[in-house]
Amino acid sequence: MGTMITASRPLTCLSKPMIALTMSLLVAIHRPSSRLYLASAFSTRLPSIATRRSRPLISTRLLATTLQFDPSPSIRDAATSTILVGRHAALASVLERTDSYVSLFGFRPPPSVMTAMHASLNGSGSVASHVEVPTVGPAAPRPPHVMALCSVKNSVTRNNHPLSLHSITDMLRTTCPAKGVVHVICCVEDSFPLGPLGGALAKAFPLFSKKTSSKSSRDDDHDDGASNQMNDDNRVVHFTFLDEKGNVVKNQAQIDAAKAAAEGVRLACRLVANIRSSLIQVVVANIILSPCSQLTIKYINPTLQDTHPEELTTTAFAQECRELFENEPTVTIEEIIGTDLLEKGYGGIYNVGKAATHPPRLVIMTYDPTTKERTERSAETEAGNESIALVGKGIVYDTGGLAIKSKTGMCGMKSDMGGAAGVLGGFLAAVRLQTPCKIRLLLCLAENAIGPASVRNDDIITQYSGKTVEINNSDAEGRLVLSDAVAHVTKHYEDVGLVVDMATLTGAQLIATGKMHAGILANNLELERRAVDAGLVSGDLCYPLLYAPELLKKEFASKVADMKNSVKDRSNAQSSCAGHFIESHIDPSYKGGWLHVDMDGPAWKADRGTGYGVGLVLALVGAPGFCARGQS
């Protein structure tokens, strides 16, 4: 079809050269050359644009907040601010012991001020005040000390964590000063393990940023109300835990659990969002702009849900995994990459990612503790003798494919690998804690990109299960990649007793269970209850979705394939349907448990990854420090 161009007024002297420039550009594009030169009516040759580049440099800085968990009396004198965190009644108990102020805070703040601050909270909330620090003799005066209280309600309803960990994270994020040494004192009843609390505390301190000035970081974070002011100066946050009697908790196993959970959470948040702190440089060589091309990456200083897709490619994600475990003898890693996926039958992962410049991958990691560790420690946990497989959706960017998302609906889709980030962070922490059970981790890494090779609506693909799927929505890609991995696990690993897949799968999950609770599907009631309990222990809350595959499978009916990949009726338990699609690819020989976690809502908050999934994984695998302190 031809195109008619009309003009309502004569061409100006400026528009004529612009038309000439445009025509020259169109001619140049079709020249058979490896380089593109632009010629114009201005008779000036512009710099050449190469389609093949060598060694570009990508740099990212990480927010320089250091978290410390080991007990240290010296922190009292070094701290420039102190934050007391806990239930309202627990805070009152600590503040009543005025004779312990010096040993706890390093000086004696006025009891009347502390009591008034506590009374102003009325159950929950945060408050801060500057107090003078007394000096003795000729000692130099110390600057005023910032004292803050973060109080949560004494009791909550049954579907919330007893300590309201979400509230603690939010209050700490907004209360913590932007710089200096901050002493956070957490009052925790003996029945609560420290691992989940460590993860919740770490969520308040994200790592990633591409901001070029500390001022803009502070202003922007302060304006949106979602984060506290940030500062490029090194900030140290030291956590001390108090038991019910006001004594410092020195149980090393519990403290290690808090540290490991914090490390896993910060990793997951960074992957889902983007990196902040000193400097990380990624040197990229041999870029070939073709489908499923290989990319060689070298990390000069390896430190990566916040990382944007230009940096967190499938190749970089896989390299991150290798860097994390390169010195860990109990972890082995293998990968199936690019066209090898198609040749070996992984039609879901391959077809979703085949149009991207970085190839799709199935990364398989196995953590196998030594026989001695497994024998000695298996009695600690219900999951001790159970081999568990974790499967994560790792769509590093989701355009929707040819069923493209809107310009606003696409923003934030760098977080579509939140499931992979959550299980990877949980896996990392479980390895650090020498969890007694064998754990396998499968990451389905792909970019749902647009290009000549994109999978099309109406295409029919064959999944690893052998079943055929008619594509009726290329934007329902997560279930395709997860189905391949779940089929792989249940077909090849006879020792696996539980398969957990985690994904930012459906927006309908937010309608079903909200922004704080993931929606779960379990193939038996006992596992469903176990998952809910794990959420209440870890603070990664979850709640059951409708489980009725026989009632919902008709939503995927196809005339030409075994099934379609998207539902016919989007108002009919859509999140449950998506989970059942994955379940339908479980190998018929598998008789163990299957748990599906749709965490589209809780994975993301205020343009930041939350690290959701790390704590839930640790609770499900029975990691040390994720049971009551008396049981550790």
Foldseek 3Di string as FASTA:
>chain_A
DDDDDDDPDDDDPVVVQVVQQVVQQVVQVPDPDQKGWGATPVRDTDDIDGPADFWDKDKFAWFQEAEAEADDQCLLVFFQEEEEEFALVLLVVLLVPQVCCCSVNVARFPSVVSVVLSVVQVTFDKDKDWTFGDDDDPDDGDGTGIYMYGHHHCADDDQFFRGNLQSVLLRCFAPPDQAGEYEYEYEDELQAFQLLNLLSNLLSGAIFDPDPALVVQQVVQVVVSRGHRHGQPRHYYYYWYAYSVRDTDNPVLRSLSSVLSSQLLNQLQQQLLGGHHDMKMKIWGDQDQFFQDAIDIDTPPDDGSRHACVQPAQNNVVVNLCVLCVPPVQKDKDKQWACSCVVLFAFLLQQQFRGGSHIKMKMKMKGAFDPVLLVVCLVLDPLSQAEEEEEFEAQCAAQQEPLGDDPVVRPSRNSFRSRVSLVSSQVSSLSSLRQNHMYMYIYGHHHRDYDPSHDDQQDWTAHSLRFIAHENTSSQSRLSSLLNVLQVCLVPPPRHQEYEYEGLGDPCQCVVPRQQAWEKDKPDPVVQVLLQVLCNSNVSHYHYADADCVVQQVQFDDPPTPGYQAGPDCVPSRVNNSVVSSVVSRHPVGDHMYMYTNNSRNQDDPSTGSSRNNSSSCSSSVRRSSGRPVSD
